[in-house]
């Protein structure tokens, strides 16, 4: 896969739970890393599911994104190499992060703590091409930090009826962050997940999303897959767990599209 023309920082956000945010983050990251691209995953969800899937230690006391945001440790100390690939790094989330939103409230520049921690000089030391930030399923201060730290948003959308309902709220929040905190922010990528070809509904949601977002929506859709759901139970991405499965191959195809957009600069032209 081609390396991007310049480093890309993508926040994977959707305040609706269960749409495949973490699953998409870790599997896209693993697919890019396995094809020679250096990727850093920031686990910003207190549940730490991305850390689990990438085989990274995240017990209490582990240097994590919590200490990183409080400015206690630099990025180079917090980032750990994943078992999935030597090209894949992860900053884990421990349960301490659950209290971080309350602690951040009283801090100076509380919305840009993560942005400061991910300054270019730190990312240059890790020599990464992509940074993927996995958000919690809410629009709280952690998600705002992720939106301020990135220039792009990747939104996973479940191919189901309620999927489009909360989307308006997310897009208006992105607009707010763009107008007040981060003018570079835009939605560069929409990924349709949990697609079930047997249902008419999945096709309706897909065509509605494509109509609304145009080329921002990736051509690749991620099918509903048992293997994708099973993989985290073995602390693995689906690409390690069952590389020949439909789910794994779909994530590789989606990652290839993202990489091609990155190399051509198309991600700047698209989006809102």
Protein backbone atom coordinates (compact mmCIF):
# COMPACT_ATOMS: atom_id res chain seq x y z
CA UNK A 1 0.00 0.00 0.00
CA UNK A 2 1.31 3.51 -0.78
CA UNK A 3 2.50 5.76 2.04
CA UNK A 4 0.60 9.06 2.35
CA UNK A 5 1.96 12.30 0.89
CA UNK A 6 1.96 13.64 4.46
CA UNK A 7 1.10 12.23 7.88
CA UNK A 8 -2.65 11.73 8.42
CA UNK A 9 -4.36 11.95 11.81
CA UNK A 10 -7.86 10.45 11.82
CA UNK A 11 -10.33 10.41 14.69
CA UNK A 12 -12.74 7.46 14.52
CA UNK A 13 -15.92 8.86 16.04
CA UNK A 14 -19.60 8.08 16.41
CA UNK A 15 -21.40 8.68 19.70
CA UNK A 16 -23.66 5.69 19.01
CA UNK A 17 -22.29 2.54 20.65
CA UNK A 18 -21.91 -0.77 18.82
CA UNK A 19 -21.30 0.61 15.33
CA UNK A 20 -17.82 -0.90 14.98
CA UNK A 21 -15.59 2.04 15.99
CA UNK A 22 -12.98 0.04 17.89
CA UNK A 23 -13.24 -2.96 15.54
CA UNK A 24 -12.70 -0.72 12.53
CA UNK A 25 -9.86 1.23 14.18
CA UNK A 26 -7.79 -1.85 15.08
CA UNK A 27 -8.43 -3.78 11.87
CA UNK A 28 -7.76 -0.84 9.54
CA UNK A 29 -4.60 -0.09 11.54
CA UNK A 30 -3.47 -3.73 11.35
CA UNK A 31 -4.19 -3.90 7.60
CA UNK A 32 -2.17 -0.74 6.92
CA UNK A 33 0.68 -1.91 9.17
CA UNK A 34 0.87 -5.35 7.54
CA UNK A 35 1.32 -3.64 4.18
CA UNK A 36 4.34 -1.60 5.22
CA UNK A 37 2.75 1.56 6.65
CA UNK A 38 3.68 2.83 10.15
CA UNK A 39 0.54 3.31 12.25
CA UNK A 40 -0.12 4.63 15.75
CA UNK A 41 -3.42 3.84 17.48
CA UNK A 42 -4.50 6.06 20.38
CA UNK A 43 -6.98 4.19 22.58
CA UNK A 44 -9.15 6.96 24.03
CA UNK A 45 -11.94 4.70 25.30
CA UNK A 46 -11.72 3.89 29.07
CA UNK A 47 -12.92 0.33 28.29
CA UNK A 48 -9.55 -0.26 26.60
CA UNK A 49 -10.95 -2.59 23.94
CA UNK A 50 -8.55 -1.38 21.24
CA UNK A 51 -5.61 -2.10 23.57
CA UNK A 52 -6.96 -5.63 24.14
CA UNK A 53 -7.40 -6.33 20.41
CA UNK A 54 -3.86 -5.13 19.68
CA UNK A 55 -2.37 -7.32 22.41
CA UNK A 56 -1.11 -4.36 24.45
CA UNK A 57 -0.93 -4.38 28.27
CA UNK A 58 -3.44 -1.98 29.85
CA UNK A 59 -3.67 -2.85 33.53
CA UNK A 60 -3.74 -0.02 36.06
CA UNK A 61 -0.24 1.39 36.47
CA UNK A 62 0.69 0.91 32.81
CA UNK A 63 1.90 4.15 31.14
CA UNK A 64 -1.18 5.15 29.18
CA UNK A 65 -3.10 7.87 27.36
CA UNK A 66 -4.27 9.16 30.75
CA UNK A 67 -0.73 10.19 31.82
CA UNK A 68 -0.08 11.41 28.28
CA UNK A 69 -3.03 13.84 28.40
CA UNK A 70 -2.10 15.08 31.84
CA UNK A 71 1.38 15.86 30.50
CA UNK A 72 3.14 13.45 32.88
CA UNK A 73 4.84 11.41 30.14
CA UNK A 74 5.77 12.08 26.49
CA UNK A 75 4.26 10.15 23.58
CA UNK A 76 7.43 8.10 23.05
CA UNK A 77 7.08 6.62 26.56
CA UNK A 78 3.37 5.84 26.21
CA UNK A 79 3.49 4.14 22.79
CA UNK A 80 3.98 0.35 22.79
CA UNK A 81 4.52 -1.97 19.80
CA UNK A 82 1.50 -4.20 19.13
CA UNK A 83 1.73 -7.98 18.81
CA UNK A 84 -0.17 -7.62 15.51
CA UNK A 85 2.75 -6.04 13.59
CA UNK A 86 6.10 -4.34 14.27
CA UNK A 87 4.78 -1.37 12.23
CA UNK A 88 1.83 -0.92 14.59
CA UNK A 89 2.13 1.11 17.79
CA UNK A 90 -0.55 1.70 20.41
CA UNK A 91 -1.00 4.10 23.32
CA UNK A 92 -3.16 2.02 25.67
CA UNK A 93 -6.12 3.14 27.78
CA UNK A 94 -6.39 2.09 31.42
CA UNK A 95 -9.44 2.41 33.67
CA UNK A 96 -7.88 5.65 35.03
CA UNK A 97 -9.12 7.33 31.87
CA UNK A 98 -12.70 7.05 33.16
CA UNK A 99 -11.98 9.84 35.65
CA UNK A 100 -10.02 11.95 33.19
CA UNK A 101 -13.04 13.87 31.88
CA UNK A 102 -13.72 15.22 35.37
CA UNK A 103 -10.04 16.07 35.97
CA UNK A 104 -9.73 17.80 32.60
CA UNK A 105 -12.63 20.17 33.32
CA UNK A 106 -10.52 22.46 35.52
CA UNK A 107 -7.41 22.38 33.32
CA UNK A 108 -6.11 25.13 31.08
CA UNK A 109 -6.68 24.41 27.36
CA UNK A 110 -8.56 21.27 28.35
CA UNK A 111 -9.83 20.62 24.80
CA UNK A 112 -6.33 20.52 23.32
CA UNK A 113 -4.43 18.31 25.78
CA UNK A 114 -4.26 15.43 23.31
CA UNK A 115 -3.36 17.75 20.45
CA UNK A 116 -0.36 19.04 22.43
CA UNK A 117 0.72 15.48 23.25
CA UNK A 118 0.56 14.54 19.55
CA UNK A 119 2.68 17.50 18.38
CA UNK A 120 4.72 16.85 15.23
CA UNK A 121 8.05 16.62 17.05
CA UNK A 122 6.73 13.64 19.09
CA UNK A 123 5.15 11.91 16.09
CA UNK A 124 8.35 12.44 14.09
CA UNK A 125 10.30 10.47 16.72
CA UNK A 126 7.95 7.52 16.19
CA UNK A 127 8.10 7.98 12.39
CA UNK A 128 4.41 7.16 11.84
CA UNK A 129 2.40 7.70 8.64
CA UNK A 130 -1.06 7.34 10.18
CA UNK A 131 -2.51 8.11 13.61
CA UNK A 132 -5.93 6.58 14.36
CA UNK A 133 -7.73 7.78 17.49
CA UNK A 134 -10.42 5.45 18.88
CA UNK A 135 -13.10 7.47 20.71
CA UNK A 136 -15.53 6.48 23.47
CA UNK A 137 -19.24 6.27 22.50
CA UNK A 138 -20.08 9.78 23.70
CA UNK A 139 -19.58 13.40 22.71
CA UNK A 140 -17.79 14.33 25.93
CA UNK A 141 -14.44 15.96 26.58
CA UNK A 142 -12.39 12.94 25.49
CA UNK A 143 -14.06 12.93 22.06
CA UNK A 144 -13.64 16.72 21.80
CA UNK A 145 -9.90 16.25 22.52
CA UNK A 146 -9.75 13.66 19.74
CA UNK A 147 -11.49 16.02 17.29
CA UNK A 148 -9.14 18.88 18.15
CA UNK A 149 -6.07 16.64 17.74
CA UNK A 150 -7.02 15.38 14.25
CA UNK A 151 -7.53 16.95 10.86
CA UNK A 152 -9.84 14.18 9.63
CA UNK A 153 -12.82 12.27 10.98
CA UNK A 154 -13.61 8.69 9.99
CA UNK A 155 -17.23 7.82 10.81
CA UNK A 156 -18.24 4.15 10.93
CA UNK A 157 -21.97 3.81 10.14
CA UNK A 158 -23.89 0.66 10.87
CA UNK A 159 -26.15 -0.47 8.02
CA UNK A 160 -29.28 -0.35 10.19
CA UNK A 161 -32.30 1.89 10.63
CA UNK A 162 -31.18 3.91 13.66
CA UNK A 163 -27.70 4.46 12.24
CA UNK A 164 -28.53 7.75 10.54
CA UNK A 165 -30.47 9.17 13.49
CA UNK A 166 -27.53 10.27 15.65
CA UNK A 167 -25.43 11.30 12.67
CA UNK A 168 -26.84 14.84 12.51
CA UNK A 169 -25.80 15.44 16.12
CA UNK A 170 -22.27 14.19 15.44
CA UNK A 171 -21.91 16.33 12.31
CA UNK A 172 -23.11 19.47 14.10
CA UNK A 173 -20.58 18.79 16.90
CA UNK A 174 -17.84 18.41 14.29
CA UNK A 175 -18.95 21.76 12.80
CA UNK A 176 -18.77 23.36 16.25
CA UNK A 177 -15.26 22.05 16.86
CA UNK A 178 -14.23 23.22 13.39
CA UNK A 179 -15.54 26.76 13.90
CA UNK A 180 -14.16 27.25 17.44
CA UNK A 181 -11.20 24.95 18.01
CA UNK A 182 -9.82 23.28 14.86
CA UNK A 183 -10.41 24.86 11.45
CA UNK A 184 -8.64 22.00 9.64
CA UNK A 185 -11.18 19.37 10.78
CA UNK A 186 -13.35 17.67 8.16
CA UNK A 187 -15.12 14.35 7.60
CA UNK A 188 -12.82 12.61 5.13
CA UNK A 189 -14.05 9.01 5.33
CA UNK A 190 -17.34 7.18 5.92
CA UNK A 191 -17.14 3.42 6.45
CA UNK A 192 -20.28 1.30 6.27
CA UNK A 193 -20.12 -1.57 8.78
CA UNK A 194 -22.19 -4.64 9.73
CA UNK A 195 -23.62 -4.93 6.22
CA UNK A 196 -26.04 -7.82 5.81
CA UNK A 197 -26.64 -8.43 2.10
CA UNK A 198 -29.77 -10.49 2.81
CA UNK A 199 -31.73 -7.48 4.02
CA UNK A 200 -33.30 -4.73 1.94
CA UNK A 201 -32.67 -2.30 4.79
CA UNK A 202 -28.88 -2.60 4.49
CA UNK A 203 -29.11 -1.60 0.82
CA UNK A 204 -31.40 1.34 1.65
CA UNK A 205 -29.03 2.68 4.33
CA UNK A 206 -26.04 2.18 2.01
CA UNK A 207 -27.62 4.06 -0.90
CA UNK A 208 -28.84 6.87 1.42
CA UNK A 209 -25.32 7.32 2.86
CA UNK A 210 -23.74 7.26 -0.61
CA UNK A 211 -26.26 9.84 -1.87
CA UNK A 212 -25.57 12.16 1.04
CA UNK A 213 -21.78 11.78 1.33
CA UNK A 214 -20.78 10.90 -2.24
CA UNK A 215 -17.13 9.83 -2.66
CA UNK A 216 -16.43 10.39 1.07
CA UNK A 217 -18.11 6.99 1.65
CA UNK A 218 -15.66 4.16 0.88
CA UNK A 219 -16.68 1.74 -1.86
CA UNK A 220 -15.81 -1.17 0.44
CA UNK A 221 -18.47 -2.18 2.98
CA UNK A 222 -17.69 -4.33 6.02
CA UNK A 223 -19.99 -7.37 6.21
CA UNK A 224 -21.54 -8.68 9.41
CA UNK A 225 -19.07 -11.39 10.42
CA UNK A 226 -18.77 -13.83 13.31
CA UNK A 227 -14.98 -13.93 12.89
CA UNK A 228 -14.71 -10.15 13.34
CA UNK A 229 -16.68 -10.45 16.62
CA UNK A 230 -14.67 -13.44 17.88
CA UNK A 231 -11.17 -12.03 17.27
CA UNK A 232 -10.99 -9.63 20.30
CA UNK A 233 -11.68 -12.58 22.62
CA UNK A 234 -8.25 -13.89 21.60
CA UNK A 235 -6.59 -10.44 21.95
CA UNK A 236 -6.19 -10.34 18.18
CA UNK A 237 -7.35 -8.40 15.16
CA UNK A 238 -9.42 -10.37 12.64
CA UNK A 239 -6.42 -10.21 10.28
CA UNK A 240 -4.43 -12.36 12.71
CA UNK A 241 -7.35 -14.49 13.88
CA UNK A 242 -8.66 -15.51 10.45
CA UNK A 243 -6.89 -13.68 7.60
CA UNK A 244 -8.92 -15.50 4.93
CA UNK A 245 -12.34 -14.51 6.32
CA UNK A 246 -14.66 -12.10 4.51
CA UNK A 247 -14.35 -9.62 7.38
CA UNK A 248 -10.53 -9.58 7.24
CA UNK A 249 -10.44 -9.20 3.47
CA UNK A 250 -12.99 -6.35 3.60
CA UNK A 251 -10.86 -4.44 6.13
CA UNK A 252 -7.79 -4.90 3.90
CA UNK A 253 -9.78 -3.51 0.93
CA UNK A 254 -11.02 -0.55 3.02
CA UNK A 255 -7.47 0.14 4.25
CA UNK A 256 -6.20 0.05 0.66
CA UNK A 257 -8.81 2.66 -0.35
CA UNK A 258 -7.77 4.88 2.58
CA UNK A 259 -4.08 4.47 1.66
CA UNK A 260 -4.77 5.32 -2.00
CA UNK A 261 -6.70 8.44 -0.96
CA UNK A 262 -3.75 9.35 1.28
CA UNK A 263 -1.22 8.97 -1.52
CA UNK A 264 -3.27 10.95 -4.03
CA UNK A 265 -4.38 13.69 -1.61
CA UNK A 266 -8.06 12.95 -2.49
CA UNK A 267 -9.00 12.99 1.21
CA UNK A 268 -8.45 16.77 1.28
CA UNK A 269 -10.89 17.47 -1.55
CA UNK A 270 -13.71 15.28 -0.29
CA UNK A 271 -15.62 15.55 2.96
CA UNK A 272 -17.55 18.32 4.60
